[in-house]
């Protein structure tokens, strides 16, 4: 089980910050791709939208999303 303190330590760790920065860049690239090709292939549009949503879910993760020990 993860404690609240563990989660905060993980979220503020330099490695986590670098990973989150890469995820943020991935969102930007996916949005650019989507903006340049939207409407050409509905399946590809849906895949990009889903990937963006998944990335945002990771970035928006909070302690409340996990089972923790207080």
Protein backbone atom coordinates (compact mmCIF):
# COMPACT_ATOMS: atom_id res chain seq x y z
CA UNK A 1 0.00 0.00 0.00
CA UNK A 2 1.10 3.54 -0.71
CA UNK A 3 1.02 6.22 1.94
CA UNK A 4 0.08 9.79 1.18
CA UNK A 5 3.67 10.77 1.90
CA UNK A 6 4.95 8.11 -0.56
CA UNK A 7 2.66 9.49 -3.26
CA UNK A 8 3.83 13.06 -2.69
CA UNK A 9 7.47 11.93 -2.76
CA UNK A 10 6.86 10.07 -6.03
CA UNK A 11 4.95 12.95 -7.63
CA UNK A 12 7.73 15.45 -6.81
CA UNK A 13 10.65 13.17 -7.68
CA UNK A 14 12.83 14.43 -10.57
CA UNK A 15 12.35 11.21 -12.54
CA UNK A 16 8.57 11.47 -12.24
CA UNK A 17 8.71 15.11 -13.29
CA UNK A 18 10.74 14.16 -16.37
CA UNK A 19 8.32 11.38 -17.28
CA UNK A 20 5.38 13.76 -16.86
CA UNK A 21 7.16 16.29 -19.05
CA UNK A 22 7.51 13.65 -21.76
CA UNK A 23 3.83 12.76 -21.44
CA UNK A 24 2.92 16.44 -21.77
CA UNK A 25 5.03 16.65 -24.94
CA UNK A 26 3.29 13.53 -26.27
CA UNK A 27 -0.09 15.21 -25.73
CA UNK A 28 1.10 18.24 -27.68
CA UNK A 29 2.33 16.08 -30.59
CA UNK A 30 -0.91 14.08 -30.68
CA UNK A 31 -2.94 17.29 -30.72
CA UNK A 32 -0.82 18.63 -33.57
CA UNK A 33 -1.32 15.40 -35.53
CA UNK A 34 -5.03 15.50 -34.87
CA UNK A 35 -5.28 19.13 -35.90
CA UNK A 36 -3.52 18.42 -39.16
CA UNK A 37 -5.50 15.37 -40.17
CA UNK A 38 -8.85 15.49 -38.36
CA UNK A 39 -11.69 14.15 -40.45
CA UNK A 40 -9.53 12.17 -42.87
CA UNK A 41 -9.74 8.89 -40.96
CA UNK A 42 -12.23 8.56 -38.13
CA UNK A 43 -10.45 5.50 -36.71
CA UNK A 44 -7.10 7.32 -36.48
CA UNK A 45 -8.84 10.38 -34.99
CA UNK A 46 -10.40 8.19 -32.32
CA UNK A 47 -7.04 6.54 -31.53
CA UNK A 48 -5.39 9.92 -31.07
CA UNK A 49 -8.21 11.24 -28.91
CA UNK A 50 -8.03 8.09 -26.77
CA UNK A 51 -4.26 8.42 -26.40
CA UNK A 52 -4.61 12.07 -25.35
CA UNK A 53 -7.23 11.08 -22.79
CA UNK A 54 -5.02 8.33 -21.38
CA UNK A 55 -2.06 10.70 -21.07
CA UNK A 56 -4.18 13.28 -19.29
CA UNK A 57 -5.51 10.62 -16.91
CA UNK A 58 -1.93 9.84 -15.91
CA UNK A 59 -1.00 13.50 -15.44
CA UNK A 60 -4.17 14.19 -13.44
CA UNK A 61 -3.70 11.21 -11.11
CA UNK A 62 -4.23 12.12 -7.48
CA UNK A 63 -3.88 10.37 -4.16
CA UNK A 64 -7.64 9.88 -4.17
CA UNK A 65 -7.29 7.62 -7.23
CA UNK A 66 -5.20 5.11 -5.29
CA UNK A 67 -5.79 2.81 -2.39
CA UNK A 68 -3.58 4.29 0.31
CA UNK A 69 -2.62 3.96 3.92
CA UNK A 70 -3.08 7.23 5.79
